[in-house]
Amino acid sequence: MPGLLIGAAVACGPQPQPQQPPPPPDPVMAAVIDALAAQRDRMCACTDATCVEAAEVAQFEWGFANKPVVDRARPTPAQAAVADALIEATEACAHELR
Protein backbone atom coordinates (compact mmCIF):
# COMPACT_ATOMS: atom_id res chain seq x y z
CA MET A 1 0.00 0.00 0.00
CA PRO A 2 2.81 2.54 0.73
CA GLY A 3 4.15 1.97 -2.80
CA LEU A 4 0.74 2.81 -4.24
CA LEU A 5 0.66 6.11 -2.33
CA ILE A 6 4.13 7.06 -3.52
CA GLY A 7 3.20 6.22 -7.11
CA ALA A 8 0.03 8.30 -6.83
CA ALA A 9 1.98 11.23 -5.38
CA VAL A 10 4.52 11.08 -8.22
CA ALA A 11 1.80 10.84 -10.86
CA CYS A 12 0.05 13.90 -9.42
CA GLY A 13 3.25 15.97 -9.26
CA PRO A 14 3.96 18.96 -11.49
CA GLN A 15 3.46 18.25 -15.15
CA PRO A 16 6.01 19.47 -17.71
CA GLN A 17 5.03 22.66 -19.45
CA PRO A 18 4.46 22.50 -23.20
CA GLN A 19 7.38 23.76 -25.28
CA GLN A 20 7.02 27.28 -26.59
CA PRO A 21 7.35 27.63 -30.35
CA PRO A 22 10.52 29.39 -31.47
CA PRO A 23 10.17 33.15 -31.92
CA PRO A 24 9.52 34.35 -35.46
CA PRO A 25 12.57 35.60 -37.36
CA ASP A 26 13.31 39.29 -36.93
CA PRO A 27 13.00 40.97 -40.36
CA VAL A 28 15.60 43.58 -39.42
CA MET A 29 18.05 40.84 -38.48
CA ALA A 30 17.25 39.12 -41.78
CA ALA A 31 18.62 42.22 -43.54
CA VAL A 32 21.75 42.09 -41.37
CA ILE A 33 22.21 38.41 -42.22
CA ASP A 34 21.90 39.22 -45.94
CA ALA A 35 24.62 41.84 -45.55
CA LEU A 36 26.84 39.42 -43.62
CA ALA A 37 26.41 36.82 -46.36
CA ALA A 38 27.35 39.40 -49.02
CA GLN A 39 30.41 40.40 -46.98
CA ARG A 40 31.43 36.76 -46.60
CA ASP A 41 31.06 36.20 -50.34
CA ARG A 42 33.13 39.29 -51.10
CA MET A 43 35.85 38.31 -48.64
CA CYS A 44 35.98 34.69 -49.78
CA ALA A 45 36.31 35.79 -53.41
CA CYS A 46 39.54 37.63 -52.57
CA THR A 47 42.78 36.25 -53.93
CA ASP A 48 45.24 38.64 -52.26
CA ALA A 49 45.78 40.77 -49.16
CA THR A 50 44.86 44.00 -50.97
CA CYS A 51 41.41 42.61 -51.71
CA VAL A 52 41.03 41.47 -48.10
CA GLU A 53 41.86 44.95 -46.90
CA ALA A 54 39.31 46.50 -49.27
CA ALA A 55 36.66 44.00 -48.15
CA GLU A 56 37.37 44.83 -44.50
CA VAL A 57 37.03 48.56 -45.21
CA ALA A 58 33.70 47.87 -46.93
CA GLN A 59 32.54 45.88 -43.89
CA PHE A 60 33.33 48.74 -41.52
CA GLU A 61 31.72 51.27 -43.84
CA TRP A 62 28.56 49.17 -44.02
CA GLY A 63 28.49 48.85 -40.24
CA PHE A 64 28.83 52.60 -39.68
CA ALA A 65 26.34 53.48 -42.42
CA ASN A 66 23.79 50.98 -41.10
CA LYS A 67 24.28 51.39 -37.36
CA PRO A 68 20.57 52.16 -36.77
CA VAL A 69 19.63 48.93 -38.54
CA VAL A 70 22.12 46.89 -36.54
CA ASP A 71 20.94 48.52 -33.29
CA ARG A 72 17.29 47.63 -34.06
CA ALA A 73 18.06 44.01 -34.89
CA ARG A 74 16.73 41.51 -32.36
CA PRO A 75 18.04 38.14 -33.52
CA THR A 76 16.36 34.91 -32.60
CA PRO A 77 18.74 32.20 -31.36
CA ALA A 78 18.65 30.64 -34.83
CA GLN A 79 19.44 33.96 -36.51
CA ALA A 80 22.27 34.61 -34.06
CA ALA A 81 23.76 31.22 -34.93
CA VAL A 82 23.59 32.01 -38.65
CA ALA A 83 25.20 35.41 -38.10
CA ASP A 84 27.98 33.88 -36.00
CA ALA A 85 28.68 31.27 -38.68
CA LEU A 86 28.83 33.93 -41.40
CA ILE A 87 31.22 36.06 -39.35
CA GLU A 88 33.46 33.05 -38.66
CA ALA A 89 33.50 32.11 -42.35
CA THR A 90 34.39 35.68 -43.33
CA GLU A 91 37.23 35.76 -40.80
CA ALA A 92 38.50 32.38 -41.99
CA CYS A 93 38.67 33.59 -45.60
CA ALA A 94 40.49 36.76 -44.54
CA HIS A 95 42.93 34.80 -42.40
CA GLU A 96 43.92 32.58 -45.33
CA LEU A 97 45.27 35.57 -47.26
CA ARG A 98 47.07 37.47 -44.51
PDB file of N, CA and C in Angstrom:
ATOM      1  N   MET A   1       0.804  -1.189   0.000  1.00  0.00           N
ATOM      2  CA  MET A   1       0.000   0.000   0.000  1.00  0.00           C
ATOM      3  C   MET A   1       0.858   1.268   0.000  1.00  0.00           C
ATOM      4  N   PRO A   2       1.992   1.328   0.773  1.00  0.00           N
ATOM      5  CA  PRO A   2       2.807   2.539   0.732  1.00  0.00           C
ATOM      6  C   PRO A   2       3.333   2.818  -0.676  1.00  0.00           C
ATOM      7  N   GLY A   3       3.669   1.770  -1.443  1.00  0.00           N
ATOM      8  CA  GLY A   3       4.150   1.967  -2.805  1.00  0.00           C
ATOM      9  C   GLY A   3       3.100   2.611  -3.685  1.00  0.00           C
ATOM     10  N   LEU A   4       1.847   2.246  -3.469  1.00  0.00           N
ATOM     11  CA  LEU A   4       0.741   2.813  -4.239  1.00  0.00           C
ATOM     12  C   LEU A   4       0.600   4.298  -3.945  1.00  0.00           C
ATOM     13  N   LEU A   5       0.764   4.699  -2.693  1.00  0.00           N
ATOM     14  CA  LEU A   5       0.656   6.114  -2.331  1.00  0.00           C
ATOM     15  C   LEU A   5       1.800   6.924  -2.930  1.00  0.00           C
ATOM     16  N   ILE A   6       2.993   6.358  -2.924  1.00  0.00           N
ATOM     17  CA  ILE A   6       4.135   7.059  -3.515  1.00  0.00           C
ATOM     18  C   ILE A   6       3.918   7.207  -5.013  1.00  0.00           C
ATOM     19  N   GLY A   7       3.467   6.158  -5.675  1.00  0.00           N
ATOM     20  CA  GLY A   7       3.196   6.221  -7.114  1.00  0.00           C
ATOM     21  C   GLY A   7       2.129   7.246  -7.430  1.00  0.00           C
ATOM     22  N   ALA A   8       1.085   7.322  -6.609  1.00  0.00           N
ATOM     23  CA  ALA A   8       0.026   8.297  -6.830  1.00  0.00           C
ATOM     24  C   ALA A   8       0.553   9.709  -6.631  1.00  0.00           C
ATOM     25  N   ALA A   9       1.422   9.904  -5.644  1.00  0.00           N
ATOM     26  CA  ALA A   9       1.976  11.230  -5.381  1.00  0.00           C
ATOM     27  C   ALA A   9       2.865  11.669  -6.541  1.00  0.00           C
ATOM     28  N   VAL A  10       3.655  10.749  -7.096  1.00  0.00           N
ATOM     29  CA  VAL A  10       4.522  11.079  -8.223  1.00  0.00           C
ATOM     30  C   VAL A  10       3.684  11.400  -9.454  1.00  0.00           C
ATOM     31  N   ALA A  11       2.641  10.624  -9.690  1.00  0.00           N
ATOM     32  CA  ALA A  11       1.800  10.845 -10.865  1.00  0.00           C
ATOM     33  C   ALA A  11       1.057  12.165 -10.782  1.00  0.00           C
ATOM     34  N   CYS A  12       0.782  12.646  -9.590  1.00  0.00           N
ATOM     35  CA  CYS A  12       0.051  13.898  -9.417  1.00  0.00           C
ATOM     36  C   CYS A  12       0.984  15.095  -9.299  1.00  0.00           C
ATOM     37  N   GLY A  13       2.286  14.880  -9.393  1.00  0.00           N
ATOM     38  CA  GLY A  13       3.251  15.968  -9.257  1.00  0.00           C
ATOM     39  C   GLY A  13       3.144  16.954 -10.417  1.00  0.00           C
ATOM     40  N   PRO A  14       4.006  17.944 -10.431  1.00  0.00           N
ATOM     41  CA  PRO A  14       3.960  18.961 -11.486  1.00  0.00           C
ATOM     42  C   PRO A  14       4.179  18.330 -12.861  1.00  0.00           C
ATOM     43  N   GLN A  15       3.374  18.751 -13.779  1.00  0.00           N
ATOM     44  CA  GLN A  15       3.464  18.250 -15.150  1.00  0.00           C
ATOM     45  C   GLN A  15       4.387  19.169 -15.955  1.00  0.00           C
ATOM     46  N   PRO A  16       5.135  18.617 -16.897  1.00  0.00           N
ATOM     47  CA  PRO A  16       6.011  19.468 -17.708  1.00  0.00           C
ATOM     48  C   PRO A  16       5.176  20.445 -18.539  1.00  0.00           C
ATOM     49  N   GLN A  17       5.702  21.637 -18.657  1.00  0.00           N
ATOM     50  CA  GLN A  17       5.031  22.665 -19.445  1.00  0.00           C
ATOM     51  C   GLN A  17       5.258  22.394 -20.933  1.00  0.00           C
ATOM     52  N   PRO A  18       4.266  22.695 -21.764  1.00  0.00           N
ATOM     53  CA  PRO A  18       4.464  22.502 -23.201  1.00  0.00           C
ATOM     54  C   PRO A  18       5.565  23.438 -23.708  1.00  0.00           C
ATOM     55  N   GLN A  19       6.296  22.961 -24.680  1.00  0.00           N
ATOM     56  CA  GLN A  19       7.377  23.757 -25.275  1.00  0.00           C
ATOM     57  C   GLN A  19       6.784  24.951 -26.019  1.00  0.00           C
ATOM     58  N   GLN A  20       7.431  26.093 -25.853  1.00  0.00           N
ATOM     59  CA  GLN A  20       7.017  27.285 -26.587  1.00  0.00           C
ATOM     60  C   GLN A  20       7.570  27.199 -28.004  1.00  0.00           C
ATOM     61  N   PRO A  21       6.801  27.633 -28.991  1.00  0.00           N
ATOM     62  CA  PRO A  21       7.346  27.633 -30.353  1.00  0.00           C
ATOM     63  C   PRO A  21       8.483  28.650 -30.435  1.00  0.00           C
ATOM     64  N   PRO A  22       9.422  28.431 -31.346  1.00  0.00           N
ATOM     65  CA  PRO A  22      10.522  29.392 -31.470  1.00  0.00           C
ATOM     66  C   PRO A  22       9.976  30.750 -31.903  1.00  0.00           C
ATOM     67  N   PRO A  23      10.649  31.821 -31.521  1.00  0.00           N
ATOM     68  CA  PRO A  23      10.173  33.148 -31.924  1.00  0.00           C
ATOM     69  C   PRO A  23      10.286  33.313 -33.438  1.00  0.00           C
ATOM     70  N   PRO A  24       9.431  34.136 -34.014  1.00  0.00           N
ATOM     71  CA  PRO A  24       9.521  34.351 -35.459  1.00  0.00           C
ATOM     72  C   PRO A  24      10.813  35.097 -35.792  1.00  0.00           C
ATOM     73  N   PRO A  25      11.341  34.889 -36.978  1.00  0.00           N
ATOM     74  CA  PRO A  25      12.567  35.597 -37.363  1.00  0.00           C
ATOM     75  C   PRO A  25      12.346  37.109 -37.357  1.00  0.00           C
ATOM     76  N   ASP A  26      13.358  37.824 -36.930  1.00  0.00           N
ATOM     77  CA  ASP A  26      13.311  39.285 -36.926  1.00  0.00           C
ATOM     78  C   ASP A  26      13.644  39.774 -38.337  1.00  0.00           C
ATOM     79  N   PRO A  27      12.730  40.514 -38.992  1.00  0.00           N
ATOM     80  CA  PRO A  27      13.002  40.967 -40.358  1.00  0.00           C
ATOM     81  C   PRO A  27      14.195  41.915 -40.448  1.00  0.00           C
ATOM     82  N   VAL A  28      14.430  42.697 -39.403  1.00  0.00           N
ATOM     83  CA  VAL A  28      15.597  43.584 -39.416  1.00  0.00           C
ATOM     84  C   VAL A  28      16.871  42.752 -39.380  1.00  0.00           C
ATOM     85  N   MET A  29      16.879  41.714 -38.549  1.00  0.00           N
ATOM     86  CA  MET A  29      18.047  40.839 -38.477  1.00  0.00           C
ATOM     87  C   MET A  29      18.229  40.089 -39.788  1.00  0.00           C
ATOM     88  N   ALA A  30      17.139  39.787 -40.469  1.00  0.00           N
ATOM     89  CA  ALA A  30      17.250  39.124 -41.777  1.00  0.00           C
ATOM     90  C   ALA A  30      18.052  39.997 -42.740  1.00  0.00           C
ATOM     91  N   ALA A  31      17.848  41.305 -42.688  1.00  0.00           N
ATOM     92  CA  ALA A  31      18.618  42.219 -43.538  1.00  0.00           C
ATOM     93  C   ALA A  31      20.090  42.221 -43.138  1.00  0.00           C
ATOM     94  N   VAL A  32      20.361  42.151 -41.848  1.00  0.00           N
ATOM     95  CA  VAL A  32      21.751  42.093 -41.374  1.00  0.00           C
ATOM     96  C   VAL A  32      22.407  40.795 -41.851  1.00  0.00           C
ATOM     97  N   ILE A  33      21.671  39.697 -41.766  1.00  0.00           N
ATOM     98  CA  ILE A  33      22.209  38.411 -42.225  1.00  0.00           C
ATOM     99  C   ILE A  33      22.506  38.456 -43.719  1.00  0.00           C
ATOM    100  N   ASP A  34      21.630  39.076 -44.496  1.00  0.00           N
ATOM    101  CA  ASP A  34      21.896  39.222 -45.936  1.00  0.00           C
ATOM    102  C   ASP A  34      23.191  39.991 -46.171  1.00  0.00           C
ATOM    103  N   ALA A  35      23.396  41.053 -45.402  1.00  0.00           N
ATOM    104  CA  ALA A  35      24.621  41.843 -45.549  1.00  0.00           C
ATOM    105  C   ALA A  35      25.845  41.032 -45.130  1.00  0.00           C
ATOM    106  N   LEU A  36      25.719  40.262 -44.044  1.00  0.00           N
ATOM    107  CA  LEU A  36      26.838  39.421 -43.618  1.00  0.00           C
ATOM    108  C   LEU A  36      27.184  38.370 -44.666  1.00  0.00           C
ATOM    109  N   ALA A  37      26.162  37.813 -45.308  1.00  0.00           N
ATOM    110  CA  ALA A  37      26.411  36.822 -46.365  1.00  0.00           C
ATOM    111  C   ALA A  37      27.115  37.473 -47.552  1.00  0.00           C
ATOM    112  N   ALA A  38      26.698  38.685 -47.908  1.00  0.00           N
ATOM    113  CA  ALA A  38      27.355  39.396 -49.023  1.00  0.00           C
ATOM    114  C   ALA A  38      28.809  39.716 -48.664  1.00  0.00           C
ATOM    115  N   GLN A  39      29.048  40.105 -47.409  1.00  0.00           N
ATOM    116  CA  GLN A  39      30.414  40.400 -46.983  1.00  0.00           C
ATOM    117  C   GLN A  39      31.275  39.140 -46.986  1.00  0.00           C
ATOM    118  N   ARG A  40      30.697  38.026 -46.559  1.00  0.00           N
ATOM    119  CA  ARG A  40      31.433  36.758 -46.600  1.00  0.00           C
ATOM    120  C   ARG A  40      31.791  36.405 -48.036  1.00  0.00           C
ATOM    121  N   ASP A  41      30.811  36.539 -48.931  1.00  0.00           N
ATOM    122  CA  ASP A  41      31.059  36.205 -50.338  1.00  0.00           C
ATOM    123  C   ASP A  41      32.150  37.088 -50.932  1.00  0.00           C
ATOM    124  N   ARG A  42      32.104  38.373 -50.590  1.00  0.00           N
ATOM    125  CA  ARG A  42      33.131  39.291 -51.105  1.00  0.00           C
ATOM    126  C   ARG A  42      34.503  38.907 -50.556  1.00  0.00           C
ATOM    127  N   MET A  43      34.575  38.645 -49.260  1.00  0.00           N
ATOM    128  CA  MET A  43      35.854  38.309 -48.637  1.00  0.00           C
ATOM    129  C   MET A  43      36.395  36.985 -49.194  1.00  0.00           C
ATOM    130  N   CYS A  44      35.531  36.008 -49.335  1.00  0.00           N
ATOM    131  CA  CYS A  44      35.979  34.686 -49.778  1.00  0.00           C
ATOM    132  C   CYS A  44      36.333  34.664 -51.265  1.00  0.00           C
ATOM    133  N   ALA A  45      35.928  35.691 -52.003  1.00  0.00           N
ATOM    134  CA  ALA A  45      36.310  35.794 -53.413  1.00  0.00           C
ATOM    135  C   ALA A  45      37.694  36.420 -53.570  1.00  0.00           C
ATOM    136  N   CYS A  46      38.228  36.981 -52.505  1.00  0.00           N
ATOM    137  CA  CYS A  46      39.538  37.632 -52.573  1.00  0.00           C
ATOM    138  C   CYS A  46      40.642  36.615 -52.858  1.00  0.00           C
ATOM    139  N   THR A  47      41.635  37.106 -53.614  1.00  0.00           N
ATOM    140  CA  THR A  47      42.783  36.253 -53.926  1.00  0.00           C
ATOM    141  C   THR A  47      44.096  36.849 -53.419  1.00  0.00           C
ATOM    142  N   ASP A  48      44.026  38.044 -52.800  1.00  0.00           N
ATOM    143  CA  ASP A  48      45.244  38.642 -52.262  1.00  0.00           C
ATOM    144  C   ASP A  48      44.905  39.542 -51.077  1.00  0.00           C
ATOM    145  N   ALA A  49      45.941  39.969 -50.377  1.00  0.00           N
ATOM    146  CA  ALA A  49      45.775  40.771 -49.163  1.00  0.00           C
ATOM    147  C   ALA A  49      45.169  42.141 -49.456  1.00  0.00           C
ATOM    148  N   THR A  50      45.435  42.695 -50.613  1.00  0.00           N
ATOM    149  CA  THR A  50      44.861  43.998 -50.966  1.00  0.00           C
ATOM    150  C   THR A  50      43.338  43.901 -51.046  1.00  0.00           C
ATOM    151  N   CYS A  51      42.859  42.838 -51.624  1.00  0.00           N
ATOM    152  CA  CYS A  51      41.414  42.611 -51.713  1.00  0.00           C
ATOM    153  C   CYS A  51      40.814  42.427 -50.322  1.00  0.00           C
ATOM    154  N   VAL A  52      41.506  41.678 -49.468  1.00  0.00           N
ATOM    155  CA  VAL A  52      41.032  41.466 -48.100  1.00  0.00           C
ATOM    156  C   VAL A  52      40.905  42.808 -47.389  1.00  0.00           C
ATOM    157  N   GLU A  53      41.904  43.642 -47.540  1.00  0.00           N
ATOM    158  CA  GLU A  53      41.860  44.954 -46.900  1.00  0.00           C
ATOM    159  C   GLU A  53      40.679  45.776 -47.404  1.00  0.00           C
ATOM    160  N   ALA A  54      40.439  45.761 -48.702  1.00  0.00           N
ATOM    161  CA  ALA A  54      39.309  46.502 -49.271  1.00  0.00           C
ATOM    162  C   ALA A  54      37.971  45.937 -48.773  1.00  0.00           C
ATOM    163  N   ALA A  55      37.891  44.630 -48.655  1.00  0.00           N
ATOM    164  CA  ALA A  55      36.664  44.002 -48.153  1.00  0.00           C
ATOM    165  C   ALA A  55      36.434  44.373 -46.691  1.00  0.00           C
ATOM    166  N   GLU A  56      37.504  44.434 -45.907  1.00  0.00           N
ATOM    167  CA  GLU A  56      37.370  44.834 -44.503  1.00  0.00           C
ATOM    168  C   GLU A  56      36.911  46.276 -44.384  1.00  0.00           C
ATOM    169  N   VAL A  57      37.459  47.150 -45.217  1.00  0.00           N
ATOM    170  CA  VAL A  57      37.031  48.556 -45.214  1.00  0.00           C
ATOM    171  C   VAL A  57      35.548  48.633 -45.553  1.00  0.00           C
ATOM    172  N   ALA A  58      35.115  47.864 -46.547  1.00  0.00           N
ATOM    173  CA  ALA A  58      33.696  47.866 -46.934  1.00  0.00           C
ATOM    174  C   ALA A  58      32.818  47.367 -45.787  1.00  0.00           C
ATOM    175  N   GLN A  59      33.297  46.381 -45.044  1.00  0.00           N
ATOM    176  CA  GLN A  59      32.539  45.881 -43.891  1.00  0.00           C
ATOM    177  C   GLN A  59      32.349  46.973 -42.850  1.00  0.00           C
ATOM    178  N   PHE A  60      33.425  47.663 -42.516  1.00  0.00           N
ATOM    179  CA  PHE A  60      33.330  48.735 -41.520  1.00  0.00           C
ATOM    180  C   PHE A  60      32.436  49.866 -42.009  1.00  0.00           C
ATOM    181  N   GLU A  61      32.571  50.209 -43.283  1.00  0.00           N
ATOM    182  CA  GLU A  61      31.722  51.275 -43.835  1.00  0.00           C
ATOM    183  C   GLU A  61      30.252  50.885 -43.766  1.00  0.00           C
ATOM    184  N   TRP A  62      29.950  49.622 -44.093  1.00  0.00           N
ATOM    185  CA  TRP A  62      28.557  49.172 -44.015  1.00  0.00           C
ATOM    186  C   TRP A  62      28.069  49.254 -42.573  1.00  0.00           C
ATOM    187  N   GLY A  63      28.878  48.816 -41.643  1.00  0.00           N
ATOM    188  CA  GLY A  63      28.491  48.848 -40.235  1.00  0.00           C
ATOM    189  C   GLY A  63      28.202  50.255 -39.738  1.00  0.00           C
ATOM    190  N   PHE A  64      29.054  51.213 -40.103  1.00  0.00           N
ATOM    191  CA  PHE A  64      28.829  52.595 -39.682  1.00  0.00           C
ATOM    192  C   PHE A  64      27.608  53.192 -40.378  1.00  0.00           C
ATOM    193  N   ALA A  65      27.458  52.926 -41.665  1.00  0.00           N
ATOM    194  CA  ALA A  65      26.336  53.480 -42.422  1.00  0.00           C
ATOM    195  C   ALA A  65      24.997  52.883 -41.987  1.00  0.00           C
ATOM    196  N   ASN A  66      25.024  51.680 -41.464  1.00  0.00           N
ATOM    197  CA  ASN A  66      23.793  50.975 -41.103  1.00  0.00           C
ATOM    198  C   ASN A  66      23.665  50.737 -39.600  1.00  0.00           C
ATOM    199  N   LYS A  67      24.328  51.561 -38.809  1.00  0.00           N
ATOM    200  CA  LYS A  67      24.276  51.391 -37.357  1.00  0.00           C
ATOM    201  C   LYS A  67      22.843  51.365 -36.819  1.00  0.00           C
ATOM    202  N   PRO A  68      21.946  52.232 -37.280  1.00  0.00           N
ATOM    203  CA  PRO A  68      20.573  52.163 -36.771  1.00  0.00           C
ATOM    204  C   PRO A  68      19.903  50.815 -37.053  1.00  0.00           C
ATOM    205  N   VAL A  69      20.199  50.233 -38.199  1.00  0.00           N
ATOM    206  CA  VAL A  69      19.630  48.928 -38.538  1.00  0.00           C
ATOM    207  C   VAL A  69      20.180  47.869 -37.594  1.00  0.00           C
ATOM    208  N   VAL A  70      21.478  47.874 -37.411  1.00  0.00           N
ATOM    209  CA  VAL A  70      22.116  46.889 -36.544  1.00  0.00           C
ATOM    210  C   VAL A  70      21.603  47.042 -35.108  1.00  0.00           C
ATOM    211  N   ASP A  71      21.428  48.283 -34.660  1.00  0.00           N
ATOM    212  CA  ASP A  71      20.945  48.519 -33.295  1.00  0.00           C
ATOM    213  C   ASP A  71      19.502  48.042 -33.104  1.00  0.00           C
ATOM    214  N   ARG A  72      18.687  48.074 -34.157  1.00  0.00           N
ATOM    215  CA  ARG A  72      17.291  47.631 -34.061  1.00  0.00           C
ATOM    216  C   ARG A  72      17.140  46.122 -34.178  1.00  0.00           C
ATOM    217  N   ALA A  73      18.148  45.457 -34.672  1.00  0.00           N
ATOM    218  CA  ALA A  73      18.059  44.010 -34.892  1.00  0.00           C
ATOM    219  C   ALA A  73      17.903  43.279 -33.565  1.00  0.00           C
ATOM    220  N   ARG A  74      16.975  42.357 -33.534  1.00  0.00           N
ATOM    221  CA  ARG A  74      16.728  41.511 -32.362  1.00  0.00           C
ATOM    222  C   ARG A  74      16.745  40.063 -32.842  1.00  0.00           C
ATOM    223  N   PRO A  75      17.940  39.477 -32.943  1.00  0.00           N
ATOM    224  CA  PRO A  75      18.036  38.137 -33.521  1.00  0.00           C
ATOM    225  C   PRO A  75      17.410  37.063 -32.639  1.00  0.00           C
ATOM    226  N   THR A  76      16.790  36.115 -33.294  1.00  0.00           N
ATOM    227  CA  THR A  76      16.361  34.907 -32.603  1.00  0.00           C
ATOM    228  C   THR A  76      17.627  34.077 -32.366  1.00  0.00           C
ATOM    229  N   PRO A  77      17.555  33.062 -31.528  1.00  0.00           N
ATOM    230  CA  PRO A  77      18.741  32.204 -31.359  1.00  0.00           C
ATOM    231  C   PRO A  77      19.203  31.597 -32.688  1.00  0.00           C
ATOM    232  N   ALA A  78      18.275  31.215 -33.535  1.00  0.00           N
ATOM    233  CA  ALA A  78      18.655  30.637 -34.828  1.00  0.00           C
ATOM    234  C   ALA A  78      19.343  31.686 -35.706  1.00  0.00           C
ATOM    235  N   GLN A  79      18.816  32.906 -35.718  1.00  0.00           N
ATOM    236  CA  GLN A  79      19.443  33.963 -36.513  1.00  0.00           C
ATOM    237  C   GLN A  79      20.820  34.316 -35.958  1.00  0.00           C
ATOM    238  N   ALA A  80      20.966  34.323 -34.659  1.00  0.00           N
ATOM    239  CA  ALA A  80      22.268  34.609 -34.057  1.00  0.00           C
ATOM    240  C   ALA A  80      23.293  33.551 -34.461  1.00  0.00           C
ATOM    241  N   ALA A  81      22.862  32.298 -34.518  1.00  0.00           N
ATOM    242  CA  ALA A  81      23.765  31.220 -34.928  1.00  0.00           C
ATOM    243  C   ALA A  81      24.194  31.390 -36.379  1.00  0.00           C
ATOM    244  N   VAL A  82      23.259  31.777 -37.238  1.00  0.00           N
ATOM    245  CA  VAL A  82      23.593  32.007 -38.650  1.00  0.00           C
ATOM    246  C   VAL A  82      24.581  33.165 -38.766  1.00  0.00           C
ATOM    247  N   ALA A  83      24.305  34.245 -38.052  1.00  0.00           N
ATOM    248  CA  ALA A  83      25.198  35.408 -38.100  1.00  0.00           C
ATOM    249  C   ALA A  83      26.597  35.039 -37.605  1.00  0.00           C
ATOM    250  N   ASP A  84      26.671  34.306 -36.516  1.00  0.00           N
ATOM    251  CA  ASP A  84      27.979  33.885 -35.995  1.00  0.00           C
ATOM    252  C   ASP A  84      28.733  33.034 -37.012  1.00  0.00           C
ATOM    253  N   ALA A  85      28.035  32.124 -37.676  1.00  0.00           N
ATOM    254  CA  ALA A  85      28.683  31.268 -38.679  1.00  0.00           C
ATOM    255  C   ALA A  85      29.184  32.086 -39.864  1.00  0.00           C
ATOM    256  N   LEU A  86      28.408  33.075 -40.285  1.00  0.00           N
ATOM    257  CA  LEU A  86      28.834  33.930 -41.399  1.00  0.00           C
ATOM    258  C   LEU A  86      30.062  34.748 -41.021  1.00  0.00           C
ATOM    259  N   ILE A  87      30.072  35.277 -39.809  1.00  0.00           N
ATOM    260  CA  ILE A  87      31.220  36.060 -39.351  1.00  0.00           C
ATOM    261  C   ILE A  87      32.465  35.171 -39.270  1.00  0.00           C
ATOM    262  N   GLU A  88      32.319  33.971 -38.739  1.00  0.00           N
ATOM    263  CA  GLU A  88      33.458  33.045 -38.656  1.00  0.00           C
ATOM    264  C   GLU A  88      33.975  32.678 -40.047  1.00  0.00           C
ATOM    265  N   ALA A  89      33.075  32.446 -40.993  1.00  0.00           N
ATOM    266  CA  ALA A  89      33.500  32.106 -42.354  1.00  0.00           C
ATOM    267  C   ALA A  89      34.227  33.276 -43.008  1.00  0.00           C
ATOM    268  N   THR A  90      33.736  34.487 -42.777  1.00  0.00           N
ATOM    269  CA  THR A  90      34.388  35.681 -43.326  1.00  0.00           C
ATOM    270  C   THR A  90      35.790  35.821 -42.758  1.00  0.00           C
ATOM    271  N   GLU A  91      35.903  35.650 -41.452  1.00  0.00           N
ATOM    272  CA  GLU A  91      37.231  35.760 -40.804  1.00  0.00           C
ATOM    273  C   GLU A  91      38.174  34.675 -41.283  1.00  0.00           C
ATOM    274  N   ALA A  92      37.655  33.473 -41.513  1.00  0.00           N
ATOM    275  CA  ALA A  92      38.504  32.380 -41.995  1.00  0.00           C
ATOM    276  C   ALA A  92      39.053  32.695 -43.385  1.00  0.00           C
ATOM    277  N   CYS A  93      38.210  33.249 -44.247  1.00  0.00           N
ATOM    278  CA  CYS A  93      38.674  33.595 -45.598  1.00  0.00           C
ATOM    279  C   CYS A  93      39.741  34.695 -45.532  1.00  0.00           C
ATOM    280  N   ALA A  94      39.530  35.674 -44.673  1.00  0.00           N
ATOM    281  CA  ALA A  94      40.494  36.760 -44.537  1.00  0.00           C
ATOM    282  C   ALA A  94      41.823  36.232 -44.003  1.00  0.00           C
ATOM    283  N   HIS A  95      41.731  35.338 -43.031  1.00  0.00           N
ATOM    284  CA  HIS A  95      42.932  34.799 -42.397  1.00  0.00           C
ATOM    285  C   HIS A  95      43.796  34.039 -43.400  1.00  0.00           C
ATOM    286  N   GLU A  96      43.169  33.358 -44.340  1.00  0.00           N
ATOM    287  CA  GLU A  96      43.924  32.580 -45.328  1.00  0.00           C
ATOM    288  C   GLU A  96      44.865  33.442 -46.177  1.00  0.00           C
ATOM    289  N   LEU A  97      44.496  34.713 -46.363  1.00  0.00           N
ATOM    290  CA  LEU A  97      45.267  35.565 -47.263  1.00  0.00           C
ATOM    291  C   LEU A  97      46.133  36.597 -46.538  1.00  0.00           C
ATOM    292  N   ARG A  98      46.210  36.518 -45.245  1.00  0.00           N
ATOM    293  CA  ARG A  98      47.066  37.469 -44.511  1.00  0.00           C
ATOM    294  C   ARG A  98      48.430  36.911 -44.306  1.00  0.00           C
TER     295      ARG A  98
END
